Amino acid sequence: MTQTEIKDKVLKGGKLAIERLLEAKSKENTFVVISDKGKVVKVEAKSLKK
């Protein structure tokens, strides 16, 4: 397995984990804490879904 293949798998896994987190938080109608330009912000998970 090449370094590029490993990198792609890690990035794909990270994206999938974030999508699943947002889906779960949206169903629970809760918030997600994120960083926006270095400032910590509490945002509704539903507003971040595509």
N, C-alpha and C. Protein backbone atom coordinates (compact mmCIF):
# COMPACT_ATOMS: atom_id res chain seq x y z
N MET A 1 0.85 -1.17 0.00
CA MET A 1 0.00 0.00 0.00
C MET A 1 0.90 1.24 0.00
N THR A 2 0.62 2.15 -0.92
CA THR A 2 1.45 3.34 -1.03
C THR A 2 1.02 4.41 -0.03
N GLN A 3 1.86 5.38 0.13
CA GLN A 3 1.57 6.47 1.06
C GLN A 3 0.32 7.25 0.61
N THR A 4 0.14 7.41 -0.67
CA THR A 4 -1.03 8.12 -1.20
C THR A 4 -2.31 7.36 -0.90
N GLU A 5 -2.28 6.05 -1.04
CA GLU A 5 -3.46 5.24 -0.74
C GLU A 5 -3.84 5.32 0.73
N ILE A 6 -2.83 5.29 1.59
CA ILE A 6 -3.08 5.39 3.03
C ILE A 6 -3.67 6.75 3.37
N LYS A 7 -3.09 7.80 2.78
CA LYS A 7 -3.58 9.17 3.01
C LYS A 7 -5.04 9.29 2.58
N ASP A 8 -5.38 8.74 1.42
CA ASP A 8 -6.75 8.80 0.91
C ASP A 8 -7.72 8.08 1.84
N LYS A 9 -7.31 6.92 2.35
CA LYS A 9 -8.17 6.16 3.26
C LYS A 9 -8.40 6.90 4.57
N VAL A 10 -7.35 7.53 5.09
CA VAL A 10 -7.48 8.28 6.34
C VAL A 10 -8.41 9.47 6.15
N LEU A 11 -8.26 10.19 5.06
CA LEU A 11 -9.12 11.35 4.79
C LEU A 11 -10.57 10.93 4.59
N LYS A 12 -10.77 9.83 3.86
CA LYS A 12 -12.12 9.33 3.63
C LYS A 12 -12.76 8.90 4.95
N GLY A 13 -12.00 8.24 5.82
CA GLY A 13 -12.51 7.82 7.13
C GLY A 13 -12.86 9.00 8.02
N GLY A 14 -12.03 10.04 7.98
CA GLY A 14 -12.31 11.23 8.77
C GLY A 14 -13.57 11.93 8.32
N LYS A 15 -13.75 12.01 7.01
CA LYS A 15 -14.96 12.64 6.47
C LYS A 15 -16.21 11.85 6.85
N LEU A 16 -16.11 10.53 6.77
CA LEU A 16 -17.23 9.67 7.13
C LEU A 16 -17.59 9.82 8.61
N ALA A 17 -16.57 9.92 9.46
CA ALA A 17 -16.81 10.09 10.90
C ALA A 17 -17.52 11.42 11.19
N ILE A 18 -17.12 12.47 10.51
CA ILE A 18 -17.76 13.78 10.70
C ILE A 18 -19.21 13.75 10.23
N GLU A 19 -19.45 13.10 9.08
CA GLU A 19 -20.82 12.99 8.57
C GLU A 19 -21.71 12.23 9.55
N ARG A 20 -21.19 11.14 10.12
CA ARG A 20 -21.97 10.35 11.07
C ARG A 20 -22.22 11.13 12.36
N LEU A 21 -21.23 11.89 12.81
CA LEU A 21 -21.40 12.72 14.00
C LEU A 21 -22.50 13.75 13.79
N LEU A 22 -22.47 14.44 12.66
CA LEU A 22 -23.48 15.46 12.37
C LEU A 22 -24.86 14.84 12.24
N GLU A 23 -24.94 13.66 11.64
CA GLU A 23 -26.23 12.98 11.51
C GLU A 23 -26.80 12.63 12.88
N ALA A 24 -25.96 12.09 13.75
CA ALA A 24 -26.41 11.71 15.09
C ALA A 24 -26.81 12.94 15.91
N LYS A 25 -26.03 13.98 15.85
CA LYS A 25 -26.33 15.20 16.60
C LYS A 25 -27.59 15.88 16.07
N SER A 26 -27.83 15.80 14.77
CA SER A 26 -29.03 16.38 14.17
C SER A 26 -30.28 15.65 14.65
N LYS A 27 -30.20 14.33 14.72
CA LYS A 27 -31.34 13.54 15.19
C LYS A 27 -31.66 13.86 16.65
N GLU A 28 -30.63 14.13 17.44
CA GLU A 28 -30.81 14.46 18.86
C GLU A 28 -31.16 15.93 19.06
N ASN A 29 -31.10 16.72 17.96
CA ASN A 29 -31.39 18.15 18.01
C ASN A 29 -30.47 18.86 19.00
N THR A 30 -29.16 18.58 18.90
CA THR A 30 -28.17 19.17 19.80
C THR A 30 -27.18 20.04 19.03
N PHE A 31 -26.21 20.54 19.75
CA PHE A 31 -25.21 21.45 19.20
C PHE A 31 -23.87 20.75 18.98
N VAL A 32 -23.05 21.36 18.13
CA VAL A 32 -21.68 20.92 17.90
C VAL A 32 -20.79 22.12 18.17
N VAL A 33 -19.68 21.90 18.84
CA VAL A 33 -18.73 22.97 19.12
C VAL A 33 -17.62 22.90 18.07
N ILE A 34 -17.43 24.03 17.35
CA ILE A 34 -16.42 24.08 16.28
C ILE A 34 -15.56 25.32 16.46
N SER A 35 -14.51 25.40 15.67
CA SER A 35 -13.64 26.57 15.67
C SER A 35 -13.89 27.35 14.39
N ASP A 36 -14.16 28.64 14.52
CA ASP A 36 -14.37 29.52 13.37
C ASP A 36 -13.37 30.66 13.45
N LYS A 37 -12.32 30.56 12.62
CA LYS A 37 -11.25 31.56 12.59
C LYS A 37 -10.61 31.72 13.98
N GLY A 38 -10.41 30.60 14.66
CA GLY A 38 -9.75 30.60 15.96
C GLY A 38 -10.68 30.85 17.13
N LYS A 39 -11.94 31.13 16.87
CA LYS A 39 -12.91 31.39 17.93
C LYS A 39 -13.79 30.16 18.10
N VAL A 40 -13.99 29.72 19.34
CA VAL A 40 -14.83 28.56 19.62
C VAL A 40 -16.29 28.99 19.55
N VAL A 41 -17.07 28.24 18.75
CA VAL A 41 -18.46 28.60 18.49
C VAL A 41 -19.34 27.37 18.69
N LYS A 42 -20.51 27.56 19.30
CA LYS A 42 -21.50 26.51 19.48
C LYS A 42 -22.56 26.69 18.40
N VAL A 43 -22.74 25.64 17.55
CA VAL A 43 -23.61 25.74 16.39
C VAL A 43 -24.59 24.56 16.40
N GLU A 44 -25.82 24.81 15.95
CA GLU A 44 -26.79 23.72 15.82
C GLU A 44 -26.28 22.76 14.74
N ALA A 45 -26.34 21.47 15.03
CA ALA A 45 -25.84 20.47 14.08
C ALA A 45 -26.64 20.49 12.78
N LYS A 46 -27.93 20.76 12.87
CA LYS A 46 -28.78 20.80 11.67
C LYS A 46 -28.33 21.87 10.68
N SER A 47 -27.76 22.94 11.18
CA SER A 47 -27.33 24.02 10.28
C SER A 47 -26.05 23.66 9.51
N LEU A 48 -25.34 22.63 9.94
CA LEU A 48 -24.12 22.22 9.28
C LEU A 48 -24.32 21.12 8.26
N LYS A 49 -25.49 20.48 8.29
CA LYS A 49 -25.74 19.39 7.34
C LYS A 49 -25.90 19.93 5.94
N LYS A 50 -25.53 19.11 4.96
CA LYS A 50 -25.61 19.52 3.56
C LYS A 50 -27.02 19.48 3.07
